[in-house]
Amino acid sequence: MLIKILLLVLFVGSTIAIGVICRKHSTNVDSFVLGGRAVGPWLTAFAYGTSYFSAVIFIGYAGQFGWRFGLASTWIGIGNAILGSLLAWIVLGARTRSMTQYYKSSTMPDFFGKRYRSEALKIAAALIVFIFLIPYTASLYNGLSRLFAMAFSIDYSVCILAMAVLTCIYVVAGGYMATAVNDFLQGIIMLVGIVAVVLAVVNSNGGFAEAFDAMSQISAPAENAPAGSFTAILGPDPFNLIAVIILTSLGTWGLPQMVGKFYAIKNTQAIKKGAIVSTVFALIVAGGCYFLGGFGRLYEAPVGANGKVIYDAIIPKMLEGLPNVLIAVIVVLVLSASMSTLSSLVLTSSSTLTLDLIKRNREMKEKKQVLIMRVLVVFFVAVSSVIAILQYKYGFAFIAQLMGLSWGALAGAFLAPFLYGLYWKRTSPASVWASFGFGVIVMLLNTFVPGLFPAWLASPINCGAFVMLAGLVIVPVVSLLTPVKNVDEVNDAFSSLKEAKND
C-alpha cells in the first residue's frame, strides 16, 4: 500500500507542477487552445496516442472484445496503429495544419464554418461536439473506478472527484501545452506499464505457449464458438471484429480532439517524425491492451445480477493476483491514460463552446475568452463526473456503449466532410449537412429506438462503423448534385497547400 501511495503522490505532484510551469504558455487563445501552433513531433505524437487510448480501451474495450473475439482482438490494436495512427497522420496531418492555418481556425466547427462559408454549419458542428463528447468523457471514469476499488478499496465517487480535480488543475493552469507535456509523461508510463502487465499476466498462466493452448481448448456453445475459435486468426465472429476495427481506427479521422493535434504541430516536417512515433506508440499500447484482453476467458467471468458478463470487470479480475508493485504501476498507467484523454476532451469541448458558440462574431478580449474556456473546463469535468456517478449507480450502459455512441455520432457526422474538404474542391455545404444529419440521427435512433434497424446494426459499434462508411458515399454524391460556394477562396486555400509542403 505504501508503494501504491508513493507512486500516486509522485504522479500527482509532477502533473500539478507541469500545469503550473506551463501557465506562462497559456496567456492567449492560440496558446491556450493550440500551444501557439509550435508543438514538436514527439509531444504531438504522444498527445495523439494518449488522447486515443484511455481506461475505455484498457478496461472497457480490451475486456469486452477480448472476451468476444479471443486473441483475434489483437487485430483491433494493429488496426488502431496502422489505420488510426499511421494513415491518419499521412492523410490528414499536413493538409489539416496548412488548411486550418489558411482559414485561421482553431477548432473543427470553425473550419467547417469557414471552409464552407456557413455560420449555421459552424454552430451545428459545435453543438454536436458539445453534446456527444460528454458521454465519452463520462465513460472514462468507470474503468478507473473499478481499478481503484480493487487496489485501494476506495469509494467510486471519491475516485471520480480526485481525478476530476487533478485534471482541472493542470488544464486550467497550463492549457494545451500543459496537456501535451503531461501526455508525454503519461505516455511513457503507459508504454512501460502495458509491457510489464502483459508479460506478468502471460507468465502467470504458464507462459505464452501454455496460455495459448488453454485458450484453444475453450468453447462457448451459447455463442456458437467451438473449441479453437478463440485462437483462430479472425476469432469466432469476424464480421463484428471488422466493425470494431473500423470504428476504433477510422473513427479517429473524424474526432475533433484527435484531429486538433494536427492544428498544433509546429511544421509539416515534424509530421513525418510524429507519424512514426505515434504508430509505434499505438502498436505497443493498443496492441498490448487487446492482446492482454484476449486471454480473458482463462479467468472466471464476473457476472451481474442479470446473469450477463460484466465486461468492465474482466481486466481488473485478471490483475487481482499480480504483485503489489505491479498493481501500483497499473493504477498509475490507467490513471495516466484516463487523465490524458479527459484533458483533451474537456479542452476541445471548452474551446469549441467558447469560440464557436459564445464568441462567434462578437468582439471579445483574448483574456476574457481564455477565462471563459477555463471556467468551461471545470464545467465539463463536473458534468461528466455527475453523469459517470449516475451511470454507475443506475447501470445506464457499459463503457463500450457510451463510447460507441459518442464515436459513432461524432465521426459519422464529421469524418467525410472533413476529409473531402481537405482534398476535394467540389465538396458542397449541402453534403456536409447531409453527413451531419445522417450520422447523428441514425446513431440516436439506433440507441433510443431498439429494433428499428436490422439486427446487425443493433450494436452502437456496428452502427458507428456503418455511418462513417456511409458518409464517405453520401458526401460525394450530394456534392455532385448541389452547388459549391466561394470557389475562388477554395482555389486559394488549395494553392496554399503547395506552398506549405516545404514549411
Protein backbone atom coordinates (compact mmCIF):
# COMPACT_ATOMS: atom_id res chain seq x y z
CA MET A 1 0.00 0.00 0.00
CA LEU A 2 2.88 2.35 0.78
CA ILE A 3 4.36 1.78 -2.69
CA LYS A 4 0.99 2.48 -4.31
CA ILE A 5 0.55 5.70 -2.36
CA LEU A 6 4.11 6.89 -3.06
CA LEU A 7 3.75 6.33 -6.80
CA LEU A 8 0.42 8.16 -6.82
CA VAL A 9 1.82 11.10 -4.84
CA LEU A 10 4.78 11.33 -7.22
CA PHE A 11 2.47 11.22 -10.22
CA VAL A 12 0.07 13.83 -8.85
CA GLY A 13 2.89 16.15 -7.80
CA SER A 14 4.60 16.08 -11.18
CA THR A 15 1.29 16.59 -13.00
CA ILE A 16 0.40 19.70 -11.00
CA ALA A 17 3.94 21.06 -11.32
CA ILE A 18 3.80 20.77 -15.12
CA GLY A 19 0.47 22.65 -15.15
CA VAL A 20 1.90 25.49 -13.07
CA ILE A 21 5.11 25.73 -15.13
CA CYS A 22 3.16 25.80 -18.42
CA ARG A 23 0.88 28.61 -17.21
CA LYS A 24 3.08 31.19 -18.95
CA HIS A 25 2.36 29.41 -22.27
CA SER A 26 -1.42 29.87 -21.99
CA THR A 27 -1.91 33.63 -21.90
CA ASN A 28 -3.90 33.99 -25.14
CA VAL A 29 -6.41 31.93 -27.12
CA ASP A 30 -3.93 30.46 -29.62
CA SER A 31 -1.51 29.33 -26.92
CA PHE A 32 -4.24 28.03 -24.58
CA VAL A 33 -6.00 26.02 -27.29
CA LEU A 34 -3.12 25.04 -29.61
CA GLY A 35 0.11 25.72 -27.75
CA GLY A 36 0.89 28.55 -30.18
CA ARG A 37 0.96 26.05 -33.10
CA ALA A 38 4.57 25.32 -32.18
CA VAL A 39 4.43 21.87 -30.54
CA GLY A 40 7.15 19.41 -31.60
CA PRO A 41 6.63 15.95 -33.15
CA TRP A 42 7.32 13.90 -30.01
CA LEU A 43 4.93 15.87 -27.81
CA THR A 44 2.28 15.89 -30.54
CA ALA A 45 2.65 12.15 -31.22
CA PHE A 46 2.34 11.28 -27.53
CA ALA A 47 -0.58 13.72 -27.14
CA TYR A 48 -2.30 11.97 -30.06
CA GLY A 49 -1.65 8.50 -28.65
CA THR A 50 -2.61 9.24 -25.06
CA SER A 51 -5.79 11.01 -26.19
CA TYR A 52 -6.58 7.95 -28.30
CA PHE A 53 -6.15 5.31 -25.59
CA SER A 54 -7.73 5.63 -22.16
CA ALA A 55 -9.36 3.50 -19.47
CA VAL A 56 -12.12 2.97 -22.03
CA ILE A 57 -9.64 0.95 -24.09
CA PHE A 58 -7.71 -0.71 -21.28
CA ILE A 59 -10.66 -1.67 -19.07
CA GLY A 60 -13.75 -1.48 -21.29
CA TYR A 61 -12.84 -2.42 -24.84
CA ALA A 62 -9.96 -4.80 -24.06
CA GLY A 63 -12.18 -6.68 -21.61
CA GLN A 64 -15.27 -6.83 -23.82
CA PHE A 65 -13.64 -7.57 -27.16
CA GLY A 66 -11.00 -9.87 -25.71
CA TRP A 67 -13.87 -11.91 -24.24
CA ARG A 68 -15.84 -11.88 -27.50
CA PHE A 69 -13.06 -12.42 -30.04
CA GLY A 70 -10.25 -14.08 -28.06
CA LEU A 71 -6.70 -13.47 -29.26
CA ALA A 72 -8.06 -12.16 -32.57
CA SER A 73 -8.89 -8.95 -30.68
CA THR A 74 -5.20 -8.09 -31.15
CA TRP A 75 -6.15 -7.11 -34.72
CA ILE A 76 -8.02 -4.15 -33.23
CA GLY A 77 -4.78 -2.81 -31.76
CA ILE A 78 -2.97 -3.36 -35.06
CA GLY A 79 -5.78 -1.55 -36.90
CA ASN A 80 -5.53 1.32 -34.42
CA ALA A 81 -1.81 1.61 -35.16
CA ILE A 82 -1.97 1.35 -38.98
CA LEU A 83 -5.31 2.93 -39.85
CA GLY A 84 -5.98 5.04 -36.77
CA SER A 85 -2.45 6.40 -36.36
CA LEU A 86 -0.07 5.97 -39.31
CA LEU A 87 -2.54 6.59 -42.15
CA ALA A 88 -4.32 9.33 -40.18
CA TRP A 89 -1.04 11.23 -39.86
CA ILE A 90 -0.10 10.67 -43.50
CA VAL A 91 -3.50 11.53 -44.98
CA LEU A 92 -4.68 14.26 -42.61
CA GLY A 93 -1.61 15.69 -40.89
CA ALA A 94 -0.01 18.16 -43.31
CA ARG A 95 -3.22 19.20 -45.04
CA THR A 96 -5.02 19.79 -41.74
CA ARG A 97 -2.21 22.01 -40.45
CA SER A 98 -1.97 24.01 -43.69
CA MET A 99 -5.71 24.43 -44.31
CA THR A 100 -6.51 25.42 -40.73
CA GLN A 101 -3.71 27.97 -40.80
CA TYR A 102 -5.04 29.38 -44.07
CA TYR A 103 -8.54 29.73 -42.61
CA LYS A 104 -7.16 30.80 -39.19
CA SER A 105 -9.39 28.22 -37.50
CA SER A 106 -8.67 26.80 -34.05
CA THR A 107 -11.47 24.23 -33.88
CA MET A 108 -13.13 21.74 -36.22
CA PRO A 109 -16.51 23.58 -36.20
CA ASP A 110 -14.71 26.81 -37.10
CA PHE A 111 -13.02 25.00 -40.01
CA PHE A 112 -16.39 23.80 -41.30
CA GLY A 113 -17.84 27.30 -40.99
CA LYS A 114 -15.01 28.95 -42.93
CA ARG A 115 -14.30 26.20 -45.44
CA TYR A 116 -17.98 26.03 -46.48
CA ARG A 117 -18.86 29.68 -45.80
CA SER A 118 -21.69 28.78 -43.43
CA GLU A 119 -22.17 30.12 -39.91
CA ALA A 120 -25.04 27.65 -39.47
CA LEU A 121 -22.71 24.70 -40.20
CA LYS A 122 -20.27 26.02 -37.63
CA ILE A 123 -22.99 26.25 -34.97
CA ALA A 124 -24.37 22.80 -35.80
CA ALA A 125 -20.89 21.23 -35.60
CA ALA A 126 -20.21 22.95 -32.28
CA LEU A 127 -23.48 21.61 -30.84
CA ILE A 128 -22.63 18.08 -31.99
CA VAL A 129 -19.22 18.34 -30.31
CA PHE A 130 -20.75 19.75 -27.13
CA ILE A 131 -23.43 17.06 -26.88
CA PHE A 132 -21.52 13.95 -27.88
CA LEU A 133 -18.19 14.50 -26.17
CA ILE A 134 -19.89 14.43 -22.78
CA PRO A 135 -20.91 10.71 -22.81
CA TYR A 136 -17.40 9.84 -23.97
CA THR A 137 -15.92 11.94 -21.16
CA ALA A 138 -18.21 10.28 -18.62
CA SER A 139 -17.18 6.83 -19.81
CA LEU A 140 -13.55 7.49 -18.84
CA TYR A 141 -14.26 7.35 -15.12
CA ASN A 142 -15.88 3.93 -14.95
CA GLY A 143 -12.89 1.75 -15.74
CA LEU A 144 -10.66 3.82 -13.49
CA SER A 145 -13.03 3.46 -10.56
CA ARG A 146 -13.07 -0.34 -10.81
CA LEU A 147 -9.29 -0.47 -10.76
CA PHE A 148 -9.01 1.90 -7.79
CA ALA A 149 -11.64 -0.10 -5.92
CA MET A 150 -9.56 -3.23 -6.48
CA ALA A 151 -6.25 -1.65 -5.47
CA PHE A 152 -7.28 0.71 -2.66
CA SER A 153 -10.90 -0.19 -1.75
CA ILE A 154 -11.79 3.46 -2.37
CA ASP A 155 -15.38 4.53 -3.00
CA TYR A 156 -16.25 5.17 -6.64
CA SER A 157 -17.33 8.78 -6.05
CA VAL A 158 -14.02 9.62 -4.37
CA CYS A 159 -12.10 8.26 -7.38
CA ILE A 160 -14.10 10.43 -9.73
CA LEU A 161 -13.68 13.56 -7.66
CA ALA A 162 -9.93 13.06 -7.28
CA MET A 163 -9.39 12.54 -10.99
CA ALA A 164 -11.67 15.45 -11.90
CA VAL A 165 -9.94 17.91 -9.56
CA LEU A 166 -6.44 16.90 -10.65
CA THR A 167 -7.31 17.23 -14.34
CA CYS A 168 -8.94 20.62 -13.79
CA ILE A 169 -5.86 21.97 -12.02
CA TYR A 170 -3.36 21.35 -14.80
CA VAL A 171 -5.65 22.02 -17.77
CA VAL A 172 -6.98 25.28 -16.31
CA ALA A 173 -3.47 26.38 -15.39
CA GLY A 174 -1.47 25.41 -18.47
CA GLY A 175 -3.93 24.78 -21.32
CA TYR A 176 -2.79 22.77 -24.34
CA MET A 177 0.92 22.93 -23.55
CA ALA A 178 0.36 21.51 -20.06
CA THR A 179 -1.72 18.68 -21.50
CA ALA A 180 0.93 17.97 -24.17
CA VAL A 181 3.82 17.80 -21.68
CA ASN A 182 1.74 15.74 -19.24
CA ASP A 183 0.68 13.49 -22.11
CA PHE A 184 4.35 12.81 -22.84
CA LEU A 185 4.99 11.84 -19.22
CA GLN A 186 1.80 9.80 -19.06
CA GLY A 187 2.60 8.14 -22.38
CA ILE A 188 5.93 6.86 -21.08
CA ILE A 189 4.13 5.42 -18.05
CA MET A 190 1.61 3.74 -20.37
CA LEU A 191 4.35 2.19 -22.54
CA VAL A 192 6.27 0.75 -19.58
CA GLY A 193 3.13 -0.30 -17.75
CA ILE A 194 1.42 -2.18 -20.58
CA VAL A 195 4.55 -4.17 -21.42
CA ALA A 196 5.01 -5.14 -17.75
CA VAL A 197 1.35 -6.10 -17.35
CA VAL A 198 1.21 -8.27 -20.48
CA LEU A 199 4.38 -10.13 -19.51
CA ALA A 200 3.14 -10.66 -15.95
CA VAL A 201 -0.31 -11.96 -16.97
CA VAL A 202 1.07 -14.30 -19.64
CA ASN A 203 3.72 -15.58 -17.23
CA SER A 204 1.09 -16.18 -14.53
CA ASN A 205 -0.64 -18.53 -16.97
CA GLY A 206 2.49 -20.62 -17.59
CA GLY A 207 3.91 -18.59 -20.49
CA PHE A 208 2.53 -17.84 -23.94
CA ALA A 209 2.56 -21.42 -25.28
CA GLU A 210 0.64 -22.81 -22.31
CA ALA A 211 -1.80 -19.88 -22.20
CA PHE A 212 -2.41 -20.20 -25.95
CA ASP A 213 -3.04 -23.93 -25.59
CA ALA A 214 -5.51 -23.31 -22.76
CA MET A 215 -7.36 -20.71 -24.87
CA SER A 216 -7.54 -23.12 -27.82
CA GLN A 217 -9.49 -25.63 -25.71
CA ILE A 218 -12.17 -23.18 -24.62
CA SER A 219 -15.57 -23.32 -26.29
CA ALA A 220 -18.72 -21.28 -25.86
CA PRO A 221 -21.70 -23.20 -27.31
CA ALA A 222 -24.17 -20.45 -26.39
CA GLU A 223 -22.12 -18.02 -28.53
CA ASN A 224 -21.58 -20.50 -31.39
CA ALA A 225 -17.86 -20.57 -30.58
CA PRO A 226 -16.40 -24.11 -30.76
CA ALA A 227 -13.04 -25.04 -29.22
CA GLY A 228 -10.19 -23.36 -31.09
CA SER A 229 -12.20 -20.37 -32.28
CA PHE A 230 -10.75 -18.07 -29.62
CA THR A 231 -7.26 -18.67 -31.00
CA ALA A 232 -8.29 -18.56 -34.68
CA ILE A 233 -6.83 -15.78 -36.83
CA LEU A 234 -10.13 -13.85 -37.05
CA GLY A 235 -11.76 -15.32 -33.96
CA PRO A 236 -15.32 -16.64 -33.66
CA ASP A 237 -17.03 -13.54 -35.10
CA PRO A 238 -15.06 -11.91 -37.99
CA PHE A 239 -17.89 -9.58 -39.09
CA ASN A 240 -18.23 -7.85 -35.74
CA LEU A 241 -14.45 -7.84 -35.28
CA ILE A 242 -14.05 -5.86 -38.52
CA ALA A 243 -16.77 -3.43 -37.40
CA VAL A 244 -14.85 -2.75 -34.18
CA ILE A 245 -11.62 -2.19 -36.12
CA ILE A 246 -13.36 0.32 -38.40
CA LEU A 247 -14.99 2.24 -35.55
CA THR A 248 -11.93 2.44 -33.30
CA SER A 249 -9.44 3.07 -36.13
CA LEU A 250 -11.14 5.08 -38.86
CA GLY A 251 -13.13 6.92 -36.20
CA THR A 252 -10.09 8.97 -35.15
CA TRP A 253 -10.18 10.70 -38.55
CA GLY A 254 -13.38 12.49 -37.59
CA LEU A 255 -12.90 13.14 -33.86
CA PRO A 256 -12.19 16.82 -33.10
CA GLN A 257 -9.95 16.08 -30.10
CA MET A 258 -7.75 13.86 -32.32
CA VAL A 259 -7.63 15.97 -35.48
CA GLY A 260 -6.93 19.03 -33.34
CA LYS A 261 -3.45 17.67 -32.63
CA PHE A 262 -2.51 18.38 -36.26
CA TYR A 263 -3.52 22.03 -35.85
CA ALA A 264 -0.88 22.49 -33.14
CA ILE A 265 2.21 20.79 -34.61
CA LYS A 266 4.95 23.29 -35.48
CA ASN A 267 5.61 22.42 -39.15
CA THR A 268 4.91 19.87 -41.85
CA GLN A 269 8.34 18.27 -41.49
CA ALA A 270 7.55 17.38 -37.88
CA ILE A 271 4.53 15.41 -39.11
CA LYS A 272 6.76 12.75 -40.73
CA LYS A 273 8.56 12.04 -37.47
CA GLY A 274 5.35 12.28 -35.45
CA ALA A 275 3.66 9.67 -37.67
CA ILE A 276 6.36 7.09 -36.86
CA VAL A 277 6.35 7.82 -33.12
CA SER A 278 2.56 7.73 -32.94
CA THR A 279 2.37 4.42 -34.82
CA VAL A 280 4.93 2.69 -32.58
CA PHE A 281 3.13 4.02 -29.51
CA ALA A 282 -0.19 2.65 -30.76
CA LEU A 283 1.28 -0.76 -31.62
CA ILE A 284 2.64 -1.18 -28.10
CA VAL A 285 -0.24 0.31 -26.11
CA ALA A 286 -3.29 -0.72 -28.16
CA GLY A 287 -1.76 -3.98 -29.36
CA GLY A 288 -0.75 -4.82 -25.80
CA CYS A 289 -4.17 -3.96 -24.35
CA TYR A 290 -6.16 -6.09 -26.79
CA PHE A 291 -3.63 -8.93 -26.67
CA LEU A 292 -3.99 -8.91 -22.87
CA GLY A 293 -7.78 -8.90 -23.10
CA GLY A 294 -7.62 -11.86 -25.47
CA PHE A 295 -6.75 -14.10 -22.51
CA GLY A 296 -9.82 -13.02 -20.51
CA ARG A 297 -11.58 -16.40 -20.81
CA LEU A 298 -8.82 -18.04 -18.79
CA TYR A 299 -10.36 -16.34 -15.75
CA GLU A 300 -13.72 -16.74 -14.06
CA ALA A 301 -16.11 -14.29 -15.65
CA PRO A 302 -17.59 -11.61 -13.37
CA VAL A 303 -21.37 -11.91 -13.77
CA GLY A 304 -24.02 -9.32 -12.86
CA ALA A 305 -27.42 -9.82 -11.27
CA ASN A 306 -28.95 -10.24 -14.72
CA GLY A 307 -26.66 -13.21 -15.41
CA LYS A 308 -24.64 -11.38 -18.06
CA VAL A 309 -20.87 -10.99 -18.07
CA ILE A 310 -19.66 -7.64 -16.69
CA TYR A 311 -17.15 -6.78 -19.38
CA ASP A 312 -15.75 -3.78 -17.50
CA ALA A 313 -14.70 -6.07 -14.64
CA ILE A 314 -12.77 -8.63 -16.71
CA ILE A 315 -9.40 -6.84 -16.85
CA PRO A 316 -9.45 -5.93 -13.11
CA LYS A 317 -10.20 -9.62 -12.44
CA MET A 318 -7.15 -10.64 -14.48
CA LEU A 319 -4.93 -8.28 -12.48
CA GLU A 320 -6.04 -9.22 -8.96
CA GLY A 321 -3.30 -11.77 -8.28
CA LEU A 322 -0.37 -9.68 -9.51
CA PRO A 323 2.32 -8.32 -7.14
CA ASN A 324 1.55 -5.07 -5.30
CA VAL A 325 4.31 -3.16 -7.08
CA LEU A 326 2.84 -4.08 -10.45
CA ILE A 327 -0.67 -3.21 -9.28
CA ALA A 328 0.67 0.23 -8.33
CA VAL A 329 2.15 0.64 -11.82
CA ILE A 330 -1.14 -0.42 -13.40
CA VAL A 331 -3.11 2.06 -11.32
CA VAL A 332 -0.82 4.90 -12.45
CA LEU A 333 -1.00 3.55 -16.04
CA VAL A 334 -4.78 3.68 -16.18
CA LEU A 335 -4.87 6.99 -14.33
CA SER A 336 -2.44 8.40 -16.90
CA ALA A 337 -4.45 7.05 -19.82
CA SER A 338 -7.72 8.41 -18.45
CA MET A 339 -6.45 11.85 -17.47
CA SER A 340 -4.70 12.44 -20.80
CA THR A 341 -7.88 11.65 -22.71
CA LEU A 342 -10.06 13.59 -20.26
CA SER A 343 -7.88 16.70 -20.55
CA SER A 344 -8.02 16.53 -24.35
CA LEU A 345 -11.80 16.13 -24.37
CA VAL A 346 -12.59 18.95 -21.96
CA LEU A 347 -10.14 21.31 -23.69
CA THR A 348 -11.79 20.53 -27.04
CA SER A 349 -15.28 21.00 -25.58
CA SER A 350 -14.49 24.26 -23.79
CA SER A 351 -12.68 25.83 -26.74
CA THR A 352 -15.46 24.82 -29.14
CA LEU A 353 -18.21 26.21 -26.92
CA THR A 354 -16.30 29.46 -26.28
CA LEU A 355 -15.02 30.21 -29.79
CA ASP A 356 -17.83 28.77 -31.90
CA LEU A 357 -20.97 29.40 -29.83
CA ILE A 358 -20.36 32.07 -27.17
CA LYS A 359 -17.96 34.36 -29.01
CA ARG A 360 -18.90 33.75 -32.65
CA ASN A 361 -18.69 37.14 -34.41
CA ARG A 362 -18.76 39.30 -31.29
CA GLU A 363 -15.74 41.31 -30.20
CA MET A 364 -14.26 39.77 -27.06
CA LYS A 365 -10.87 40.35 -25.47
CA GLU A 366 -8.43 37.43 -25.50
CA LYS A 367 -8.16 37.36 -21.71
CA LYS A 368 -11.92 37.04 -21.40
CA GLN A 369 -12.02 34.21 -23.94
CA VAL A 370 -9.30 32.31 -22.07
CA LEU A 371 -11.12 32.91 -18.78
CA ILE A 372 -14.37 31.55 -20.21
CA MET A 373 -12.56 28.47 -21.53
CA ARG A 374 -11.03 27.84 -18.10
CA VAL A 375 -14.43 28.11 -16.45
CA LEU A 376 -15.92 25.75 -19.04
CA VAL A 377 -13.16 23.20 -18.44
CA VAL A 378 -14.35 22.99 -14.85
CA PHE A 379 -17.98 22.84 -16.01
CA PHE A 380 -17.40 19.97 -18.44
CA VAL A 381 -15.41 17.97 -15.90
CA ALA A 382 -18.18 18.49 -13.31
CA VAL A 383 -20.99 17.47 -15.71
CA SER A 384 -19.16 14.37 -16.89
CA SER A 385 -18.43 13.42 -13.27
CA VAL A 386 -22.11 13.60 -12.34
CA ILE A 387 -23.09 11.53 -15.40
CA ALA A 388 -20.43 8.95 -14.53
CA ILE A 389 -21.76 8.56 -10.98
CA LEU A 390 -25.36 8.25 -12.21
CA GLN A 391 -24.33 5.78 -14.89
CA TYR A 392 -22.56 3.63 -12.32
CA LYS A 393 -25.39 3.68 -9.79
CA TYR A 394 -28.22 3.05 -12.23
CA GLY A 395 -26.39 1.00 -14.86
CA PHE A 396 -27.32 3.09 -17.91
CA ALA A 397 -24.73 1.47 -20.20
CA PHE A 398 -21.39 -0.27 -20.39
CA ILE A 399 -18.28 1.75 -21.18
CA ALA A 400 -18.19 0.46 -24.74
CA GLN A 401 -21.80 1.51 -25.38
CA LEU A 402 -21.20 5.07 -24.21
CA MET A 403 -18.03 5.35 -26.23
CA GLY A 404 -19.62 3.69 -29.27
CA LEU A 405 -22.46 6.25 -29.29
CA SER A 406 -20.05 9.16 -28.94
CA TRP A 407 -17.50 7.96 -31.51
CA GLY A 408 -20.19 6.90 -33.97
CA ALA A 409 -22.09 10.20 -33.88
CA LEU A 410 -19.01 12.44 -33.99
CA ALA A 411 -17.03 10.51 -36.60
CA GLY A 412 -20.15 9.65 -38.58
CA ALA A 413 -21.01 13.33 -38.83
CA PHE A 414 -17.52 14.82 -39.29
CA LEU A 415 -15.20 12.30 -40.95
CA ALA A 416 -16.40 12.50 -44.56
CA PRO A 417 -16.94 16.29 -44.84
CA PHE A 418 -13.61 16.99 -43.13
CA LEU A 419 -11.66 14.53 -45.29
CA TYR A 420 -13.27 15.61 -48.57
CA GLY A 421 -12.95 19.24 -47.50
CA LEU A 422 -9.18 18.81 -47.34
CA TYR A 423 -8.84 17.02 -50.69
CA TRP A 424 -11.78 17.85 -52.97
CA LYS A 425 -12.67 21.40 -54.05
CA ARG A 426 -16.12 20.28 -55.21
CA THR A 427 -17.36 19.37 -51.70
CA SER A 428 -20.58 21.31 -51.12
CA PRO A 429 -22.21 22.72 -47.93
CA ALA A 430 -25.33 20.62 -48.61
CA SER A 431 -23.25 17.43 -48.49
CA VAL A 432 -21.89 18.48 -45.09
CA TRP A 433 -25.43 18.96 -43.78
CA ALA A 434 -26.35 15.53 -45.17
CA SER A 435 -23.41 13.90 -43.37
CA PHE A 436 -24.17 15.70 -40.09
CA GLY A 437 -27.84 14.71 -40.20
CA PHE A 438 -27.30 11.11 -41.24
CA GLY A 439 -24.56 10.38 -38.69
CA VAL A 440 -26.29 11.92 -35.70
CA ILE A 441 -29.87 10.83 -36.45
CA VAL A 442 -29.02 7.21 -37.25
CA MET A 443 -26.88 6.85 -34.09
CA LEU A 444 -29.58 8.36 -31.88
CA LEU A 445 -32.39 6.29 -33.40
CA ASN A 446 -30.33 3.13 -33.07
CA THR A 447 -29.64 3.89 -29.40
CA PHE A 448 -33.07 5.07 -28.26
CA VAL A 449 -35.43 3.16 -30.59
CA PRO A 450 -34.40 -0.52 -30.24
CA GLY A 451 -35.39 -2.80 -33.07
CA LEU A 452 -35.78 -0.03 -35.64
CA PHE A 453 -32.79 -1.19 -37.70
CA PRO A 454 -31.63 -4.68 -38.74
CA ALA A 455 -30.09 -6.86 -36.03
CA TRP A 456 -26.56 -6.44 -37.40
CA LEU A 457 -26.83 -2.68 -36.70
CA ALA A 458 -28.16 -3.05 -33.17
CA SER A 459 -24.75 -2.59 -31.58
CA PRO A 460 -23.53 1.05 -31.36
CA ILE A 461 -20.17 -0.29 -32.54
CA ASN A 462 -21.57 -1.68 -35.79
CA CYS A 463 -23.86 1.30 -36.27
CA GLY A 464 -20.95 3.71 -35.76
CA ALA A 465 -18.84 1.90 -38.35
CA PHE A 466 -21.80 1.93 -40.76
CA VAL A 467 -22.50 5.69 -40.53
CA MET A 468 -18.80 6.51 -41.03
CA LEU A 469 -18.55 4.42 -44.19
CA ALA A 470 -21.93 5.69 -45.42
CA GLY A 471 -20.73 9.28 -45.02
CA LEU A 472 -17.87 8.59 -47.43
CA VAL A 473 -20.53 7.82 -50.07
CA ILE A 474 -23.13 10.43 -49.10
CA VAL A 475 -20.79 13.45 -49.28
CA PRO A 476 -19.54 12.99 -52.88
CA VAL A 477 -22.99 12.01 -54.18
CA VAL A 478 -24.74 15.04 -52.63
CA SER A 479 -21.83 17.32 -53.64
CA LEU A 480 -22.23 16.39 -57.29
CA LEU A 481 -25.92 17.29 -57.11
CA THR A 482 -25.64 20.60 -55.23
CA PRO A 483 -23.80 23.93 -55.77
CA VAL A 484 -20.46 24.92 -54.22
CA LYS A 485 -19.84 28.29 -52.56
CA ASN A 486 -16.76 30.57 -52.60
CA VAL A 487 -14.96 28.81 -55.48
CA ASP A 488 -12.16 31.40 -55.70
CA GLU A 489 -11.42 31.21 -51.98
CA VAL A 490 -11.31 27.41 -52.10
CA ASN A 491 -8.85 27.58 -55.01
CA ASP A 492 -6.64 29.90 -52.94
CA ALA A 493 -6.82 27.55 -49.97
CA PHE A 494 -5.73 24.59 -52.07
CA SER A 495 -2.93 26.68 -53.59
CA SER A 496 -1.65 27.32 -50.07
CA LEU A 497 -1.15 23.57 -49.63
CA LYS A 498 1.59 23.57 -52.27
CA GLU A 499 3.39 26.45 -50.58
CA ALA A 500 3.26 24.65 -47.20
CA LYS A 501 4.96 21.46 -48.40
CA ASN A 502 8.41 22.77 -47.60
CA ASP A 503 7.37 24.50 -44.40
